[in-house]
Amino acid sequence: MLNSTSASSHTPVLLSETLKALAVQPGGRYIDCTLGSAGHAFSIMEHASPGGQLLGIDADPKAIELARKKLNAFRDAVLLVNDNFVNLQSICIKHDFFPVHGILLDLGLSSMQLEGSRGFSFQHDDPLDMRFNPEQKITAADIVNTSPEERLANIIYTYGEEIHSRRIAREIINARPVKTTLQLAQVIENAMGRRGKIHPATKTFQALRIAVNHELEHLESVLKQAVELLGYEGRLVVISYHSLEDRIVKQFMQKESRGCICPPETPVCVCGHTPSLRIINKKVITPSTTEVGHNPRSRSAKLRAAERIITQGDSYVTTEDHNFLTLAKSGGWRRPALLEKIRTVFLAA
């Protein structure tokens, strides 16, 4: 969702790589869990037409408003929902939108958010907000001004991977109340000094944003939900922008692509775990030098993709179930009878 100019000229990160990883096809059904400015969503619908459908989700109501205009040409085939993707499963059940051919998560901030007035960036002097959804209760200012020093230092260290977290937390405590982005950035610069091109407040701002929006916890939850919503050979594609996110995605895909996940010292498998995914790209995909040159904010992007697999020994054990599996493999999983069976199993789980 990042770009180098403005929301109006939004440039999606790793666009061609994303479309390839999703294996977008005419008539396909897709979910964009992080709609943003709808750059990826628009291209998905272009390639999924005719007959394609898209469910777009974003916690930011302004993103929904912007995306609705961007996707107007496909309005009859697009459903937009203002909600957090942590509620993916319930959203899909409510709107009868599963199983699907592909699910996309682009975990970056959109230019609309960076250039807005919610305090995501210290390029402008804005209130310390950092909420994706303005209806959330806790803001960055609440964390900065009410957290005990030890908790504040732990947030900065854990979510920002900032080794100087204690020094920064101490300086923030001494400077309270801290109300704006530039004030916070200056406090951190006073504590750290200024060396190199990267501002010393960068990691702390990342940490506060993650903490305010519970981003890592929500990511872990949505990955589990996404697998269950994919049809046979459906694709899960995730673009992350820092090591904490990428580690969660990598470990999840590796785990779900394996059979036994028992500890190495266990002599006989007792977990009963069966693989649900096949990893598409063994090596993480990153932007080309050309893309980074045109869009510097894309430099930290990492794309991982996996494909849903279904085995007869997994969920389909009877003759009737095997027939449904055959339908799924032939592309017939969108037929009403199969959809009803999947829904019955899904809701009972």
Protein backbone atom coordinates (compact mmCIF):
# COMPACT_ATOMS: atom_id res chain seq x y z
CA MET A 1 0.00 0.00 0.00
CA LEU A 2 2.99 2.35 0.05
CA ASN A 3 3.77 4.87 -2.63
CA SER A 4 6.17 7.65 -3.31
CA THR A 5 3.89 10.55 -4.03
CA SER A 6 0.29 10.92 -2.99
CA ALA A 7 -2.82 8.89 -2.56
CA SER A 8 -4.17 10.24 -5.82
CA SER A 9 -1.17 8.81 -7.73
CA HIS A 10 -0.92 5.69 -5.64
CA THR A 11 1.64 3.12 -6.76
CA PRO A 12 1.10 -0.37 -5.31
CA VAL A 13 4.22 -2.17 -4.13
CA LEU A 14 5.28 -5.34 -6.00
CA LEU A 15 2.18 -5.13 -8.19
CA SER A 16 3.12 -7.56 -10.98
CA GLU A 17 4.65 -9.94 -8.45
CA THR A 18 1.45 -9.83 -6.39
CA LEU A 19 -0.80 -10.60 -9.37
CA LYS A 20 1.45 -13.50 -10.35
CA ALA A 21 1.57 -14.87 -6.80
CA LEU A 22 -2.22 -14.68 -6.51
CA ALA A 23 -2.56 -16.35 -9.93
CA VAL A 24 -5.42 -13.95 -10.72
CA GLN A 25 -7.82 -15.37 -13.29
CA PRO A 26 -11.06 -14.22 -14.94
CA GLY A 27 -14.05 -15.17 -12.83
CA GLY A 28 -11.94 -15.49 -9.69
CA ARG A 29 -12.99 -14.48 -6.21
CA TYR A 30 -10.50 -12.46 -4.16
CA ILE A 31 -10.13 -10.70 -0.82
CA ASP A 32 -7.96 -7.64 -0.24
CA CYS A 33 -7.68 -7.47 3.55
CA THR A 34 -5.79 -4.16 3.52
CA LEU A 35 -7.57 -2.13 0.89
CA GLY A 36 -5.78 1.20 1.39
CA SER A 37 -5.98 3.29 -1.76
CA ALA A 38 -7.16 0.24 -3.75
CA GLY A 39 -4.14 0.08 -6.04
CA HIS A 40 -3.77 -3.68 -5.75
CA ALA A 41 -7.54 -4.18 -5.68
CA PHE A 42 -8.04 -2.27 -8.95
CA SER A 43 -5.44 -4.35 -10.77
CA ILE A 44 -6.86 -7.57 -9.33
CA MET A 45 -10.29 -6.68 -10.71
CA GLU A 46 -8.84 -5.76 -14.09
CA HIS A 47 -7.30 -9.22 -14.37
CA ALA A 48 -10.26 -11.04 -12.78
CA SER A 49 -12.77 -9.60 -15.24
CA PRO A 50 -15.08 -10.72 -16.63
CA GLY A 51 -16.88 -12.40 -13.79
CA GLY A 52 -14.41 -11.61 -11.04
CA GLN A 53 -15.45 -10.60 -7.53
CA LEU A 54 -13.61 -8.77 -4.77
CA LEU A 55 -14.15 -8.27 -1.05
CA GLY A 56 -12.16 -5.27 0.18
CA ILE A 57 -11.57 -4.67 3.89
CA ASP A 58 -10.01 -1.72 5.70
CA ALA A 59 -10.22 -0.43 9.26
CA ASP A 60 -9.89 3.14 8.03
CA PRO A 61 -13.23 4.62 6.88
CA LYS A 62 -11.39 7.15 4.70
CA ALA A 63 -9.73 4.29 2.83
CA ILE A 64 -13.13 2.75 2.12
CA GLU A 65 -14.41 6.07 0.78
CA LEU A 66 -11.37 6.49 -1.47
CA ALA A 67 -11.48 2.87 -2.67
CA ARG A 68 -15.16 3.13 -3.56
CA LYS A 69 -14.32 5.91 -6.02
CA LYS A 70 -11.29 4.08 -7.37
CA LEU A 71 -13.24 0.86 -7.94
CA ASN A 72 -16.39 2.48 -9.30
CA ALA A 73 -15.99 0.76 -12.68
CA PHE A 74 -16.33 -2.61 -10.91
CA ARG A 75 -18.94 -1.53 -8.35
CA ASP A 76 -21.34 -4.39 -9.15
CA ALA A 77 -18.63 -6.97 -8.43
CA VAL A 78 -16.97 -5.34 -5.42
CA LEU A 79 -18.00 -5.41 -1.77
CA LEU A 80 -16.24 -2.97 0.60
CA VAL A 81 -16.30 -3.44 4.36
CA ASN A 82 -15.06 -0.97 6.98
CA ASP A 83 -13.68 -3.36 9.59
CA ASN A 84 -10.42 -4.76 10.92
CA PHE A 85 -9.09 -7.80 9.06
CA VAL A 86 -8.83 -9.62 12.39
CA ASN A 87 -12.57 -10.21 11.86
CA LEU A 88 -12.00 -11.79 8.42
CA GLN A 89 -13.83 -15.03 9.09
CA SER A 90 -17.00 -13.41 10.46
CA ILE A 91 -17.00 -10.86 7.62
CA CYS A 92 -16.85 -13.63 5.01
CA ILE A 93 -19.59 -15.63 6.70
CA LYS A 94 -21.83 -12.58 6.99
CA HIS A 95 -21.44 -11.70 3.32
CA ASP A 96 -21.37 -15.28 1.99
CA PHE A 97 -17.91 -14.72 0.52
CA PHE A 98 -16.01 -17.99 0.76
CA PRO A 99 -14.26 -20.06 -0.39
CA VAL A 100 -12.04 -17.77 -2.48
CA HIS A 101 -9.26 -18.01 -5.07
CA GLY A 102 -6.92 -15.61 -3.33
CA ILE A 103 -6.34 -13.46 -0.25
CA LEU A 104 -3.96 -10.50 -0.10
CA LEU A 105 -2.49 -8.78 2.95
CA ASP A 106 -0.35 -5.70 2.26
CA LEU A 107 0.80 -4.67 5.73
CA GLY A 108 2.30 -1.29 4.82
CA LEU A 109 0.89 2.14 5.55
CA SER A 110 -0.82 3.88 2.66
CA SER A 111 0.32 7.32 1.56
CA MET A 112 -3.09 8.59 2.62
CA GLN A 113 -2.25 7.57 6.19
CA LEU A 114 1.32 8.85 6.09
CA GLU A 115 0.26 12.18 4.65
CA GLY A 116 -2.81 12.51 6.86
CA SER A 117 -3.05 14.03 10.32
CA ARG A 118 -3.10 10.93 12.54
CA GLY A 119 0.48 11.04 13.67
CA PHE A 120 1.91 8.07 11.77
CA SER A 121 4.82 10.20 10.52
CA PHE A 122 7.02 12.89 12.04
CA GLN A 123 7.27 14.73 8.73
CA HIS A 124 4.41 16.95 9.97
CA ASP A 125 3.46 18.19 13.42
CA ASP A 126 0.30 16.24 14.19
CA PRO A 127 -1.38 14.89 17.34
CA LEU A 128 -0.01 11.55 18.59
CA ASP A 129 -2.88 9.39 17.40
CA MET A 130 -1.72 6.48 15.17
CA ARG A 131 -5.08 4.67 15.15
CA PHE A 132 -6.08 2.96 11.92
CA ASN A 133 -9.69 3.24 13.00
CA PRO A 134 -10.53 6.57 14.69
CA GLU A 135 -13.16 4.79 16.78
CA GLN A 136 -10.51 2.87 18.70
CA LYS A 137 -10.07 4.12 22.26
CA ILE A 138 -6.32 3.95 22.90
CA THR A 139 -4.04 6.38 21.06
CA ALA A 140 -0.26 6.71 20.88
CA ALA A 141 -0.54 9.70 23.19
CA ASP A 142 -2.21 7.52 25.82
CA ILE A 143 0.66 5.01 25.70
CA VAL A 144 3.36 7.69 25.69
CA ASN A 145 1.90 9.72 28.55
CA THR A 146 0.43 7.08 30.88
CA SER A 147 2.65 4.00 30.59
CA PRO A 148 5.15 3.26 33.38
CA GLU A 149 8.74 3.64 32.22
CA GLU A 150 9.43 -0.10 32.15
CA ARG A 151 6.33 -0.88 30.07
CA LEU A 152 7.11 1.95 27.64
CA ALA A 153 10.68 0.69 27.25
CA ASN A 154 9.41 -2.85 26.63
CA ILE A 155 7.00 -1.65 23.93
CA ILE A 156 9.76 0.25 22.15
CA TYR A 157 12.17 -2.69 22.41
CA THR A 158 9.72 -5.46 21.49
CA TYR A 159 7.85 -3.79 18.63
CA GLY A 160 10.56 -1.42 17.40
CA GLU A 161 13.58 -3.66 17.99
CA GLU A 162 15.20 -0.54 19.43
CA ILE A 163 18.25 -1.45 21.56
CA HIS A 164 18.25 1.98 23.21
CA SER A 165 14.65 1.64 24.39
CA ARG A 166 15.36 2.31 28.07
CA ARG A 167 17.19 5.54 27.34
CA ILE A 168 14.39 6.70 25.06
CA ALA A 169 11.67 5.74 27.57
CA ARG A 170 13.47 7.64 30.33
CA GLU A 171 13.72 10.76 28.18
CA ILE A 172 10.02 10.53 27.25
CA ILE A 173 9.01 10.19 30.90
CA ASN A 174 11.02 13.31 31.78
CA ALA A 175 9.45 15.27 28.91
CA ARG A 176 5.80 14.45 29.63
CA PRO A 177 3.27 15.48 28.53
CA VAL A 178 4.25 14.74 24.92
CA LYS A 179 1.38 15.65 22.62
CA THR A 180 2.60 15.89 19.02
CA THR A 181 4.72 13.93 16.56
CA LEU A 182 7.44 16.54 16.22
CA GLN A 183 7.65 16.94 19.97
CA LEU A 184 8.13 13.18 20.39
CA ALA A 185 10.66 13.01 17.56
CA GLN A 186 12.67 15.84 19.17
CA VAL A 187 12.60 14.14 22.57
CA ILE A 188 13.99 10.96 21.02
CA GLU A 189 16.62 12.88 19.07
CA ASN A 190 17.71 14.57 22.30
CA ALA A 191 18.14 11.15 23.87
CA MET A 192 19.92 9.54 20.92
CA GLY A 193 21.62 12.26 18.95
CA ARG A 194 21.43 12.35 15.16
CA ARG A 195 23.64 10.05 13.10
CA GLY A 196 23.14 8.72 9.60
CA LYS A 197 20.16 9.10 7.25
CA ILE A 198 17.57 7.27 9.36
CA HIS A 199 15.94 9.44 12.02
CA PRO A 200 16.45 8.03 15.55
CA ALA A 201 12.68 8.18 16.18
CA THR A 202 11.81 5.79 13.33
CA LYS A 203 11.81 2.57 15.36
CA THR A 204 9.93 4.13 18.28
CA PHE A 205 7.17 5.40 15.97
CA GLN A 206 6.90 1.91 14.46
CA ALA A 207 6.64 0.38 17.92
CA LEU A 208 3.90 2.76 19.06
CA ARG A 209 1.86 2.20 15.89
CA ILE A 210 2.08 -1.58 16.27
CA ALA A 211 1.10 -1.38 19.95
CA VAL A 212 -1.84 0.98 19.34
CA ASN A 213 -3.33 -1.22 16.62
CA HIS A 214 -2.35 -4.66 18.01
CA GLU A 215 -0.86 -5.37 14.59
CA LEU A 216 1.17 -8.49 15.35
CA GLU A 217 -1.59 -10.21 17.29
CA HIS A 218 -4.07 -9.43 14.52
CA LEU A 219 -1.65 -10.72 11.87
CA GLU A 220 -1.27 -14.07 13.63
CA SER A 221 -5.06 -14.39 13.88
CA VAL A 222 -5.87 -13.44 10.28
CA LEU A 223 -3.32 -15.88 8.82
CA LYS A 224 -5.08 -18.79 10.53
CA GLN A 225 -8.48 -17.58 9.33
CA ALA A 226 -7.26 -17.02 5.76
CA VAL A 227 -6.20 -20.64 5.26
CA GLU A 228 -9.69 -21.89 6.11
CA LEU A 229 -11.30 -19.50 3.63
CA LEU A 230 -9.22 -20.54 0.63
CA GLY A 231 -10.58 -22.96 -1.91
CA TYR A 232 -8.49 -25.71 -3.48
CA GLU A 233 -5.24 -24.18 -4.84
CA GLY A 234 -6.31 -20.77 -3.50
CA ARG A 235 -3.39 -18.44 -2.86
CA LEU A 236 -2.41 -16.51 0.28
CA VAL A 237 -0.10 -13.56 -0.43
CA VAL A 238 1.42 -11.35 2.27
CA ILE A 239 3.59 -8.26 1.82
CA SER A 240 5.36 -7.21 5.01
CA TYR A 241 7.67 -4.29 5.75
CA HIS A 242 9.65 -5.12 8.86
CA SER A 243 11.27 -8.18 10.37
CA LEU A 244 8.65 -8.80 13.07
CA GLU A 245 5.83 -9.16 10.52
CA ASP A 246 7.94 -11.14 8.07
CA ARG A 247 9.03 -13.57 10.80
CA ILE A 248 5.41 -14.28 11.74
CA VAL A 249 4.41 -14.88 8.10
CA LYS A 250 7.45 -17.02 7.34
CA GLN A 251 7.05 -19.21 10.41
CA PHE A 252 3.32 -19.62 9.84
CA MET A 253 3.72 -20.70 6.22
CA GLN A 254 6.56 -23.06 7.09
CA LYS A 255 4.53 -24.68 9.86
CA GLU A 256 1.41 -25.09 7.70
CA SER A 257 3.43 -26.60 4.86
CA ARG A 258 4.76 -29.40 7.06
CA GLY A 259 3.18 -32.60 8.32
CA CYS A 260 4.44 -33.49 11.77
CA ILE A 261 5.30 -30.50 13.96
CA CYS A 262 6.26 -32.49 17.05
CA PRO A 263 9.50 -31.49 18.83
CA PRO A 264 12.56 -33.24 17.32
CA GLU A 265 13.05 -35.30 20.47
CA THR A 266 9.57 -36.91 20.15
CA PRO A 267 10.19 -40.51 18.92
CA VAL A 268 6.71 -40.98 17.41
CA CYS A 269 4.42 -38.31 15.96
CA VAL A 270 1.60 -37.44 18.35
CA CYS A 271 0.53 -34.05 16.92
CA GLY A 272 -1.62 -35.36 14.06
CA HIS A 273 -0.82 -32.19 12.11
CA THR A 274 -1.35 -32.30 8.35
CA PRO A 275 -0.08 -29.71 5.86
CA SER A 276 -2.58 -27.16 4.60
CA LEU A 277 -0.29 -25.00 2.46
CA ARG A 278 2.37 -25.35 -0.21
CA ILE A 279 4.91 -22.53 -0.23
CA ILE A 280 5.06 -20.86 -3.66
CA ASN A 281 8.22 -18.81 -3.35
CA LYS A 282 10.94 -20.59 -1.39
CA LYS A 283 12.94 -17.36 -1.43
CA VAL A 284 11.27 -14.16 -0.29
CA ILE A 285 10.39 -11.73 -3.12
CA THR A 286 11.65 -8.15 -2.83
CA PRO A 287 11.28 -5.08 -5.08
CA SER A 288 13.63 -4.62 -7.99
CA THR A 289 16.22 -1.86 -8.03
CA THR A 290 14.07 -0.08 -10.59
CA GLU A 291 10.99 -0.17 -8.37
CA VAL A 292 12.91 1.09 -5.33
CA GLY A 293 14.27 3.92 -7.49
CA HIS A 294 10.74 4.97 -8.44
CA ASN A 295 9.25 4.25 -5.03
CA PRO A 296 11.81 4.47 -2.19
CA ARG A 297 9.24 3.46 0.43
CA SER A 298 9.04 0.00 -1.17
CA ARG A 299 12.65 -0.83 -0.28
CA SER A 300 11.78 -2.88 2.82
CA ALA A 301 8.87 -4.82 1.27
CA LYS A 302 8.96 -8.62 1.36
CA LEU A 303 6.40 -10.83 -0.38
CA ARG A 304 5.62 -14.41 0.64
CA ALA A 305 3.00 -16.64 -0.99
CA ALA A 306 1.50 -20.05 -0.35
CA GLU A 307 -1.13 -22.25 -1.98
CA ARG A 308 -3.97 -24.11 -0.25
CA ILE A 309 -3.74 -27.87 -0.54
CA ILE A 310 -6.39 -30.47 0.27
CA THR A 311 -5.64 -34.15 0.65
CA GLN A 312 -8.15 -36.98 0.74
CA GLY A 313 -6.78 -38.14 4.06
CA ASP A 314 -7.20 -34.71 5.60
CA SER A 315 -10.89 -33.76 5.59
CA TYR A 316 -12.40 -36.01 2.92
CA VAL A 317 -12.69 -39.58 4.16
CA THR A 318 -15.97 -40.96 2.79
CA THR A 319 -16.91 -41.73 -0.81
CA GLU A 320 -19.21 -38.73 -0.81
CA ASP A 321 -16.43 -36.52 0.54
CA HIS A 322 -14.06 -37.81 -2.11
CA ASN A 323 -16.54 -36.78 -4.80
CA PHE A 324 -16.57 -33.28 -3.36
CA LEU A 325 -12.77 -33.25 -3.46
CA THR A 326 -12.88 -34.23 -7.12
CA LEU A 327 -15.21 -31.31 -7.77
CA ALA A 328 -12.86 -28.98 -5.93
CA LYS A 329 -9.88 -30.13 -7.98
CA SER A 330 -11.80 -29.59 -11.19
CA GLY A 331 -12.61 -26.02 -10.25
CA GLY A 332 -16.17 -26.80 -9.22
CA TRP A 333 -15.84 -25.67 -5.63
CA ARG A 334 -17.98 -22.63 -6.36
CA ARG A 335 -21.02 -24.80 -7.13
CA PRO A 336 -23.87 -24.29 -4.63
CA ALA A 337 -23.89 -27.88 -3.35
CA LEU A 338 -20.18 -27.87 -2.59
CA LEU A 339 -20.35 -24.39 -1.10
CA GLU A 340 -23.14 -25.53 1.22
CA LYS A 341 -21.10 -28.52 2.37
CA ILE A 342 -18.06 -26.38 3.05
CA ARG A 343 -20.21 -23.86 4.91
CA THR A 344 -21.71 -26.61 7.09
CA VAL A 345 -18.29 -27.94 8.06
CA PHE A 346 -16.86 -24.45 8.45
CA LEU A 347 -19.59 -23.21 10.79
CA ALA A 348 -19.48 -26.38 12.85
CA ALA A 349 -15.74 -26.03 13.48
